[in-house]
Amino acid sequence: MSHADIWYIEGGRDYATVVTSTEKILTLSSLSKLAENLPQPQFLRVHKSYIVALDKITAVERQRIYTGRAVIPIGDTYRADFARVVGG
């Protein structure tokens, strides 16, 4: 699996689920730890529980990101960074 395969990553307490076009991979790593190893600016943290691949975003509506595979909320803390990066 390469970084290009990742659609988004959903974090739990002490684990994260990496979602690709073909599978969901459970890791025993925190979302913060995974974020450190992702290439920038291809990925962006948009919520305390989500990192999204910017090239997989199909639409943005109010407080939600659509990836074609899921609807991901945009957290209040991350809204300004998201708007700056995607130009909205």
PDB file of N, CA and C in Angstrom:
ATOM      1  N   MET A   1       0.835  -1.182   0.000  1.00  0.00           N
ATOM      2  CA  MET A   1       0.000   0.000   0.000  1.00  0.00           C
ATOM      3  C   MET A   1       0.879   1.245   0.000  1.00  0.00           C
ATOM      4  N   SER A   2       0.536   2.190  -0.859  1.00  0.00           N
ATOM      5  CA  SER A   2       1.267   3.459  -0.876  1.00  0.00           C
ATOM      6  C   SER A   2       0.365   4.564  -0.329  1.00  0.00           C
ATOM      7  N   HIS A   3       0.954   5.720  -0.083  1.00  0.00           N
ATOM      8  CA  HIS A   3       0.180   6.855   0.406  1.00  0.00           C
ATOM      9  C   HIS A   3      -0.928   7.232  -0.569  1.00  0.00           C
ATOM     10  N   ALA A   4      -0.697   7.033  -1.853  1.00  0.00           N
ATOM     11  CA  ALA A   4      -1.695   7.369  -2.884  1.00  0.00           C
ATOM     12  C   ALA A   4      -2.958   6.523  -2.762  1.00  0.00           C
ATOM     13  N   ASP A   5      -2.873   5.373  -2.117  1.00  0.00           N
ATOM     14  CA  ASP A   5      -4.023   4.486  -1.955  1.00  0.00           C
ATOM     15  C   ASP A   5      -4.954   4.916  -0.826  1.00  0.00           C
ATOM     16  N   ILE A   6      -4.481   5.760   0.074  1.00  0.00           N
ATOM     17  CA  ILE A   6      -5.245   6.134   1.265  1.00  0.00           C
ATOM     18  C   ILE A   6      -6.307   7.172   0.917  1.00  0.00           C
ATOM     19  N   TRP A   7      -7.550   6.901   1.352  1.00  0.00           N
ATOM     20  CA  TRP A   7      -8.651   7.857   1.189  1.00  0.00           C
ATOM     21  C   TRP A   7      -8.748   8.731   2.432  1.00  0.00           C
ATOM     22  N   TYR A   8      -8.763   8.080   3.595  1.00  0.00           N
ATOM     23  CA  TYR A   8      -8.785   8.819   4.861  1.00  0.00           C
ATOM     24  C   TYR A   8      -8.357   7.882   5.981  1.00  0.00           C
ATOM     25  N   ILE A   9      -8.092   8.481   7.136  1.00  0.00           N
ATOM     26  CA  ILE A   9      -7.712   7.712   8.317  1.00  0.00           C
ATOM     27  C   ILE A   9      -8.629   8.153   9.449  1.00  0.00           C
ATOM     28  N   GLU A  10      -9.220   7.182  10.105  1.00  0.00           N
ATOM     29  CA  GLU A  10     -10.106   7.467  11.226  1.00  0.00           C
ATOM     30  C   GLU A  10      -9.438   7.002  12.506  1.00  0.00           C
ATOM     31  N   GLY A  11      -9.328   7.880  13.455  1.00  0.00           N
ATOM     32  CA  GLY A  11      -8.645   7.563  14.702  1.00  0.00           C
ATOM     33  C   GLY A  11      -9.589   7.116  15.796  1.00  0.00           C
ATOM     34  N   GLY A  12      -9.082   6.225  16.609  1.00  0.00           N
ATOM     35  CA  GLY A  12      -9.769   5.791  17.818  1.00  0.00           C
ATOM     36  C   GLY A  12      -8.908   6.201  19.002  1.00  0.00           C
ATOM     37  N   ARG A  13      -9.102   5.589  20.123  1.00  0.00           N
ATOM     38  CA  ARG A  13      -8.333   5.958  21.312  1.00  0.00           C
ATOM     39  C   ARG A  13      -6.836   5.675  21.129  1.00  0.00           C
ATOM     40  N   ASP A  14      -6.468   4.437  20.928  1.00  0.00           N
ATOM     41  CA  ASP A  14      -5.062   4.061  20.764  1.00  0.00           C
ATOM     42  C   ASP A  14      -4.825   3.313  19.459  1.00  0.00           C
ATOM     43  N   TYR A  15      -5.688   3.536  18.486  1.00  0.00           N
ATOM     44  CA  TYR A  15      -5.555   2.863  17.203  1.00  0.00           C
ATOM     45  C   TYR A  15      -6.088   3.785  16.117  1.00  0.00           C
ATOM     46  N   ALA A  16      -5.892   3.388  14.889  1.00  0.00           N
ATOM     47  CA  ALA A  16      -6.454   4.135  13.765  1.00  0.00           C
ATOM     48  C   ALA A  16      -6.805   3.137  12.670  1.00  0.00           C
ATOM     49  N   THR A  17      -7.782   3.505  11.871  1.00  0.00           N
ATOM     50  CA  THR A  17      -8.184   2.696  10.728  1.00  0.00           C
ATOM     51  C   THR A  17      -7.828   3.452   9.463  1.00  0.00           C
ATOM     52  N   VAL A  18      -6.976   2.857   8.647  1.00  0.00           N
ATOM     53  CA  VAL A  18      -6.580   3.437   7.368  1.00  0.00           C
ATOM     54  C   VAL A  18      -7.531   2.885   6.320  1.00  0.00           C
ATOM     55  N   VAL A  19      -8.237   3.778   5.620  1.00  0.00           N
ATOM     56  CA  VAL A  19      -9.223   3.354   4.636  1.00  0.00           C
ATOM     57  C   VAL A  19      -8.675   3.617   3.236  1.00  0.00           C
ATOM     58  N   THR A  20      -8.638   2.557   2.430  1.00  0.00           N
ATOM     59  CA  THR A  20      -8.191   2.659   1.041  1.00  0.00           C
ATOM     60  C   THR A  20      -9.367   2.319   0.132  1.00  0.00           C
ATOM     61  N   SER A  21      -9.129   2.289  -1.147  1.00  0.00           N
ATOM     62  CA  SER A  21     -10.209   1.957  -2.079  1.00  0.00           C
ATOM     63  C   SER A  21     -10.632   0.495  -1.966  1.00  0.00           C
ATOM     64  N   THR A  22      -9.771  -0.356  -1.430  1.00  0.00           N
ATOM     65  CA  THR A  22     -10.081  -1.781  -1.384  1.00  0.00           C
ATOM     66  C   THR A  22     -10.173  -2.389   0.012  1.00  0.00           C
ATOM     67  N   GLU A  23      -9.681  -1.685   1.033  1.00  0.00           N
ATOM     68  CA  GLU A  23      -9.677  -2.304   2.365  1.00  0.00           C
ATOM     69  C   GLU A  23      -9.619  -1.272   3.480  1.00  0.00           C
ATOM     70  N   LYS A  24      -9.897  -1.762   4.680  1.00  0.00           N
ATOM     71  CA  LYS A  24      -9.740  -0.986   5.906  1.00  0.00           C
ATOM     72  C   LYS A  24      -8.685  -1.698   6.731  1.00  0.00           C
ATOM     73  N   ILE A  25      -7.648  -0.962   7.115  1.00  0.00           N
ATOM     74  CA  ILE A  25      -6.533  -1.555   7.841  1.00  0.00           C
ATOM     75  C   ILE A  25      -6.483  -0.961   9.246  1.00  0.00           C
ATOM     76  N   LEU A  26      -6.626  -1.809  10.247  1.00  0.00           N
ATOM     77  CA  LEU A  26      -6.558  -1.382  11.637  1.00  0.00           C
ATOM     78  C   LEU A  26      -5.101  -1.354  12.076  1.00  0.00           C
ATOM     79  N   THR A  27      -4.671  -0.228  12.623  1.00  0.00           N
ATOM     80  CA  THR A  27      -3.292  -0.101  13.101  1.00  0.00           C
ATOM     81  C   THR A  27      -3.291   0.171  14.602  1.00  0.00           C
ATOM     82  N   LEU A  28      -2.263  -0.261  15.249  1.00  0.00           N
ATOM     83  CA  LEU A  28      -2.112   0.017  16.679  1.00  0.00           C
ATOM     84  C   LEU A  28      -1.242   1.257  16.862  1.00  0.00           C
ATOM     85  N   SER A  29      -1.640   2.302  16.173  1.00  0.00           N
ATOM     86  CA  SER A  29      -0.930   3.567  16.223  1.00  0.00           C
ATOM     87  C   SER A  29      -1.956   4.679  16.365  1.00  0.00           C
ATOM     88  N   SER A  30      -1.581   5.737  17.041  1.00  0.00           N
ATOM     89  CA  SER A  30      -2.509   6.853  17.199  1.00  0.00           C
ATOM     90  C   SER A  30      -2.576   7.673  15.919  1.00  0.00           C
ATOM     91  N   LEU A  31      -3.620   8.446  15.796  1.00  0.00           N
ATOM     92  CA  LEU A  31      -3.791   9.308  14.633  1.00  0.00           C
ATOM     93  C   LEU A  31      -2.657  10.330  14.553  1.00  0.00           C
ATOM     94  N   SER A  32      -2.248  10.859  15.681  1.00  0.00           N
ATOM     95  CA  SER A  32      -1.149  11.834  15.711  1.00  0.00           C
ATOM     96  C   SER A  32       0.155  11.227  15.213  1.00  0.00           C
ATOM     97  N   LYS A  33       0.424  10.006  15.607  1.00  0.00           N
ATOM     98  CA  LYS A  33       1.651   9.329  15.187  1.00  0.00           C
ATOM     99  C   LYS A  33       1.631   9.072  13.680  1.00  0.00           C
ATOM    100  N   LEU A  34       0.497   8.639  13.162  1.00  0.00           N
ATOM    101  CA  LEU A  34       0.383   8.416  11.719  1.00  0.00           C
ATOM    102  C   LEU A  34       0.542   9.723  10.953  1.00  0.00           C
ATOM    103  N   ALA A  35      -0.022  10.798  11.474  1.00  0.00           N
ATOM    104  CA  ALA A  35       0.054  12.103  10.807  1.00  0.00           C
ATOM    105  C   ALA A  35       1.503  12.552  10.633  1.00  0.00           C
ATOM    106  N   GLU A  36       2.350  12.222  11.580  1.00  0.00           N
ATOM    107  CA  GLU A  36       3.765  12.598  11.503  1.00  0.00           C
ATOM    108  C   GLU A  36       4.458  11.964  10.306  1.00  0.00           C
ATOM    109  N   ASN A  37       3.964  10.812   9.869  1.00  0.00           N
ATOM    110  CA  ASN A  37       4.615  10.074   8.792  1.00  0.00           C
ATOM    111  C   ASN A  37       3.963  10.243   7.423  1.00  0.00           C
ATOM    112  N   LEU A  38       2.909  11.041   7.354  1.00  0.00           N
ATOM    113  CA  LEU A  38       2.230  11.263   6.078  1.00  0.00           C
ATOM    114  C   LEU A  38       2.853  12.437   5.337  1.00  0.00           C
ATOM    115  N   PRO A  39       2.937  12.341   4.012  1.00  0.00           N
ATOM    116  CA  PRO A  39       3.505  13.439   3.242  1.00  0.00           C
ATOM    117  C   PRO A  39       2.578  14.661   3.251  1.00  0.00           C
ATOM    118  N   GLN A  40       3.170  15.818   3.423  1.00  0.00           N
ATOM    119  CA  GLN A  40       2.423  17.076   3.382  1.00  0.00           C
ATOM    120  C   GLN A  40       2.689  17.742   2.047  1.00  0.00           C
ATOM    121  N   PRO A  41       1.785  18.400   1.439  1.00  0.00           N
ATOM    122  CA  PRO A  41       0.430  18.732   1.888  1.00  0.00           C
ATOM    123  C   PRO A  41      -0.637  17.796   1.347  1.00  0.00           C
ATOM    124  N   GLN A  42      -0.319  16.561   1.061  1.00  0.00           N
ATOM    125  CA  GLN A  42      -1.292  15.617   0.505  1.00  0.00           C
ATOM    126  C   GLN A  42      -2.391  15.228   1.493  1.00  0.00           C
ATOM    127  N   PHE A  43      -2.083  15.282   2.776  1.00  0.00           N
ATOM    128  CA  PHE A  43      -3.023  14.876   3.817  1.00  0.00           C
ATOM    129  C   PHE A  43      -3.226  16.021   4.792  1.00  0.00           C
ATOM    130  N   LEU A  44      -4.441  16.101   5.328  1.00  0.00           N
ATOM    131  CA  LEU A  44      -4.750  17.180   6.263  1.00  0.00           C
ATOM    132  C   LEU A  44      -5.648  16.652   7.368  1.00  0.00           C
ATOM    133  N   ARG A  45      -5.320  17.023   8.583  1.00  0.00           N
ATOM    134  CA  ARG A  45      -6.185  16.684   9.711  1.00  0.00           C
ATOM    135  C   ARG A  45      -7.347  17.657   9.683  1.00  0.00           C
ATOM    136  N   VAL A  46      -8.563  17.108   9.664  1.00  0.00           N
ATOM    137  CA  VAL A  46      -9.752  17.947   9.534  1.00  0.00           C
ATOM    138  C   VAL A  46     -10.696  17.814  10.731  1.00  0.00           C
ATOM    139  N   HIS A  47     -10.348  16.925  11.652  1.00  0.00           N
ATOM    140  CA  HIS A  47     -11.193  16.644  12.809  1.00  0.00           C
ATOM    141  C   HIS A  47     -10.311  15.915  13.812  1.00  0.00           C
ATOM    142  N   LYS A  48     -10.689  15.920  15.075  1.00  0.00           N
ATOM    143  CA  LYS A  48      -9.857  15.222  16.062  1.00  0.00           C
ATOM    144  C   LYS A  48      -9.744  13.739  15.752  1.00  0.00           C
ATOM    145  N   SER A  49     -10.679  13.207  14.964  1.00  0.00           N
ATOM    146  CA  SER A  49     -10.675  11.782  14.655  1.00  0.00           C
ATOM    147  C   SER A  49     -10.418  11.455  13.189  1.00  0.00           C
ATOM    148  N   TYR A  50     -10.097  12.468  12.350  1.00  0.00           N
ATOM    149  CA  TYR A  50      -9.942  12.188  10.920  1.00  0.00           C
ATOM    150  C   TYR A  50      -8.796  12.948  10.273  1.00  0.00           C
ATOM    151  N   ILE A  51      -8.101  12.229   9.388  1.00  0.00           N
ATOM    152  CA  ILE A  51      -7.145  12.820   8.450  1.00  0.00           C
ATOM    153  C   ILE A  51      -7.661  12.426   7.073  1.00  0.00           C
ATOM    154  N   VAL A  52      -7.688  13.376   6.147  1.00  0.00           N
ATOM    155  CA  VAL A  52      -8.216  13.080   4.820  1.00  0.00           C
ATOM    156  C   VAL A  52      -7.152  13.335   3.754  1.00  0.00           C
ATOM    157  N   ALA A  53      -7.184  12.510   2.704  1.00  0.00           N
ATOM    158  CA  ALA A  53      -6.324  12.725   1.542  1.00  0.00           C
ATOM    159  C   ALA A  53      -6.988  13.804   0.697  1.00  0.00           C
ATOM    160  N   LEU A  54      -6.317  14.924   0.492  1.00  0.00           N
ATOM    161  CA  LEU A  54      -6.922  16.053  -0.200  1.00  0.00           C
ATOM    162  C   LEU A  54      -7.341  15.716  -1.624  1.00  0.00           C
ATOM    163  N   ASP A  55      -6.609  14.852  -2.295  1.00  0.00           N
ATOM    164  CA  ASP A  55      -6.958  14.515  -3.678  1.00  0.00           C
ATOM    165  C   ASP A  55      -8.149  13.566  -3.776  1.00  0.00           C
ATOM    166  N   LYS A  56      -8.654  13.077  -2.643  1.00  0.00           N
ATOM    167  CA  LYS A  56      -9.810  12.181  -2.651  1.00  0.00           C
ATOM    168  C   LYS A  56     -11.105  12.917  -2.305  1.00  0.00           C
ATOM    169  N   ILE A  57     -11.021  14.211  -2.008  1.00  0.00           N
ATOM    170  CA  ILE A  57     -12.217  14.989  -1.688  1.00  0.00           C
ATOM    171  C   ILE A  57     -13.002  15.229  -2.967  1.00  0.00           C
ATOM    172  N   THR A  58     -14.283  14.854  -2.942  1.00  0.00           N
ATOM    173  CA  THR A  58     -15.132  15.067  -4.112  1.00  0.00           C
ATOM    174  C   THR A  58     -16.042  16.277  -3.936  1.00  0.00           C
ATOM    175  N   ALA A  59     -16.365  16.633  -2.685  1.00  0.00           N
ATOM    176  CA  ALA A  59     -17.215  17.795  -2.430  1.00  0.00           C
ATOM    177  C   ALA A  59     -17.055  18.228  -0.979  1.00  0.00           C
ATOM    178  N   VAL A  60     -17.375  19.499  -0.741  1.00  0.00           N
ATOM    179  CA  VAL A  60     -17.386  20.040   0.612  1.00  0.00           C
ATOM    180  C   VAL A  60     -18.711  20.782   0.771  1.00  0.00           C
ATOM    181  N   GLU A  61     -19.408  20.471   1.848  1.00  0.00           N
ATOM    182  CA  GLU A  61     -20.697  21.103   2.106  1.00  0.00           C
ATOM    183  C   GLU A  61     -20.783  21.460   3.571  1.00  0.00           C
ATOM    184  N   ARG A  62     -20.817  22.726   3.854  1.00  0.00           N
ATOM    185  CA  ARG A  62     -20.873  23.235   5.227  1.00  0.00           C
ATOM    186  C   ARG A  62     -19.770  22.643   6.094  1.00  0.00           C
ATOM    187  N   GLN A  63     -20.138  21.775   7.007  1.00  0.00           N
ATOM    188  CA  GLN A  63     -19.164  21.190   7.942  1.00  0.00           C
ATOM    189  C   GLN A  63     -18.782  19.767   7.573  1.00  0.00           C
ATOM    190  N   ARG A  64     -18.991  19.387   6.294  1.00  0.00           N
ATOM    191  CA  ARG A  64     -18.747  18.007   5.892  1.00  0.00           C
ATOM    192  C   ARG A  64     -17.887  17.926   4.633  1.00  0.00           C
ATOM    193  N   ILE A  65     -17.060  16.881   4.616  1.00  0.00           N
ATOM    194  CA  ILE A  65     -16.225  16.574   3.453  1.00  0.00           C
ATOM    195  C   ILE A  65     -16.746  15.254   2.880  1.00  0.00           C
ATOM    196  N   TYR A  66     -16.919  15.211   1.566  1.00  0.00           N
ATOM    197  CA  TYR A  66     -17.328  13.981   0.895  1.00  0.00           C
ATOM    198  C   TYR A  66     -16.129  13.437   0.135  1.00  0.00           C
ATOM    199  N   THR A  67     -15.856  12.156   0.342  1.00  0.00           N
ATOM    200  CA  THR A  67     -14.710  11.544  -0.333  1.00  0.00           C
ATOM    201  C   THR A  67     -15.132  10.531  -1.379  1.00  0.00           C
ATOM    202  N   GLY A  68     -16.407  10.308  -1.527  1.00  0.00           N
ATOM    203  CA  GLY A  68     -16.859   9.254  -2.410  1.00  0.00           C
ATOM    204  C   GLY A  68     -16.979   7.935  -1.668  1.00  0.00           C
ATOM    205  N   ARG A  69     -16.313   7.843  -0.535  1.00  0.00           N
ATOM    206  CA  ARG A  69     -16.361   6.624   0.279  1.00  0.00           C
ATOM    207  C   ARG A  69     -16.997   6.907   1.638  1.00  0.00           C
ATOM    208  N   ALA A  70     -16.976   8.168   2.067  1.00  0.00           N
ATOM    209  CA  ALA A  70     -17.486   8.500   3.393  1.00  0.00           C
ATOM    210  C   ALA A  70     -17.789   9.991   3.475  1.00  0.00           C
ATOM    211  N   VAL A  71     -18.555  10.335   4.487  1.00  0.00           N
ATOM    212  CA  VAL A  71     -18.794  11.739   4.818  1.00  0.00           C
ATOM    213  C   VAL A  71     -18.026  12.006   6.105  1.00  0.00           C
ATOM    214  N   ILE A  72     -17.127  12.969   6.054  1.00  0.00           N
ATOM    215  CA  ILE A  72     -16.225  13.244   7.170  1.00  0.00           C
ATOM    216  C   ILE A  72     -16.523  14.634   7.720  1.00  0.00           C
ATOM    217  N   PRO A  73     -16.720  14.754   9.024  1.00  0.00           N
ATOM    218  CA  PRO A  73     -16.991  16.072   9.597  1.00  0.00           C
ATOM    219  C   PRO A  73     -15.731  16.935   9.636  1.00  0.00           C
ATOM    220  N   ILE A  74     -15.927  18.245   9.562  1.00  0.00           N
ATOM    221  CA  ILE A  74     -14.826  19.193   9.747  1.00  0.00           C
ATOM    222  C   ILE A  74     -14.973  19.746  11.159  1.00  0.00           C
ATOM    223  N   GLY A  75     -13.971  19.535  11.987  1.00  0.00           N
ATOM    224  CA  GLY A  75     -14.019  20.002  13.361  1.00  0.00           C
ATOM    225  C   GLY A  75     -13.776  21.500  13.462  1.00  0.00           C
ATOM    226  N   ASP A  76     -14.366  22.125  14.466  1.00  0.00           N
ATOM    227  CA  ASP A  76     -14.209  23.567  14.674  1.00  0.00           C
ATOM    228  C   ASP A  76     -12.749  23.979  14.757  1.00  0.00           C
ATOM    229  N   THR A  77     -11.948  23.188  15.439  1.00  0.00           N
ATOM    230  CA  THR A  77     -10.532  23.486  15.623  1.00  0.00           C
ATOM    231  C   THR A  77      -9.761  23.478  14.314  1.00  0.00           C
ATOM    232  N   TYR A  78     -10.216  22.696  13.345  1.00  0.00           N
ATOM    233  CA  TYR A  78      -9.488  22.490  12.092  1.00  0.00           C
ATOM    234  C   TYR A  78     -10.065  23.266  10.908  1.00  0.00           C
ATOM    235  N   ARG A  79     -11.182  23.949  11.105  1.00  0.00           N
ATOM    236  CA  ARG A  79     -11.898  24.614  10.012  1.00  0.00           C
ATOM    237  C   ARG A  79     -11.047  25.668   9.306  1.00  0.00           C
ATOM    238  N   ALA A  80     -10.350  26.498  10.058  1.00  0.00           N
ATOM    239  CA  ALA A  80      -9.545  27.568   9.448  1.00  0.00           C
ATOM    240  C   ALA A  80      -8.413  26.996   8.603  1.00  0.00           C
ATOM    241  N   ASP A  81      -7.724  25.976   9.101  1.00  0.00           N
ATOM    242  CA  ASP A  81      -6.651  25.340   8.329  1.00  0.00           C
ATOM    243  C   ASP A  81      -7.198  24.712   7.059  1.00  0.00           C
ATOM    244  N   PHE A  82      -8.349  24.063   7.176  1.00  0.00           N
ATOM    245  CA  PHE A  82      -8.942  23.428   6.003  1.00  0.00           C
ATOM    246  C   PHE A  82      -9.299  24.490   4.953  1.00  0.00           C
ATOM    247  N   ALA A  83      -9.909  25.569   5.367  1.00  0.00           N
ATOM    248  CA  ALA A  83     -10.285  26.632   4.432  1.00  0.00           C
ATOM    249  C   ALA A  83      -9.052  27.236   3.778  1.00  0.00           C
ATOM    250  N   ARG A  84      -7.985  27.398   4.525  1.00  0.00           N
ATOM    251  CA  ARG A  84      -6.749  27.960   3.979  1.00  0.00           C
ATOM    252  C   ARG A  84      -6.136  27.034   2.926  1.00  0.00           C
ATOM    253  N   VAL A  85      -6.144  25.733   3.188  1.00  0.00           N
ATOM    254  CA  VAL A  85      -5.515  24.765   2.290  1.00  0.00           C
ATOM    255  C   VAL A  85      -6.354  24.548   1.029  1.00  0.00           C
ATOM    256  N   VAL A  86      -7.656  24.429   1.176  1.00  0.00           N
ATOM    257  CA  VAL A  86      -8.491  24.149  -0.004  1.00  0.00           C
ATOM    258  C   VAL A  86      -9.020  25.424  -0.658  1.00  0.00           C
ATOM    259  N   GLY A  87      -8.744  26.573  -0.043  1.00  0.00           N
ATOM    260  CA  GLY A  87      -9.141  27.841  -0.634  1.00  0.00           C
ATOM    261  C   GLY A  87     -10.604  28.169  -0.506  1.00  0.00           C
ATOM    262  N   GLY A  88     -11.221  27.725   0.584  1.00  0.00           N
ATOM    263  CA  GLY A  88     -12.659  28.001   0.733  1.00  0.00           C
ATOM    264  C   GLY A  88     -12.998  28.745   1.898  1.00  0.00           C
TER     265      GLY A  88
END
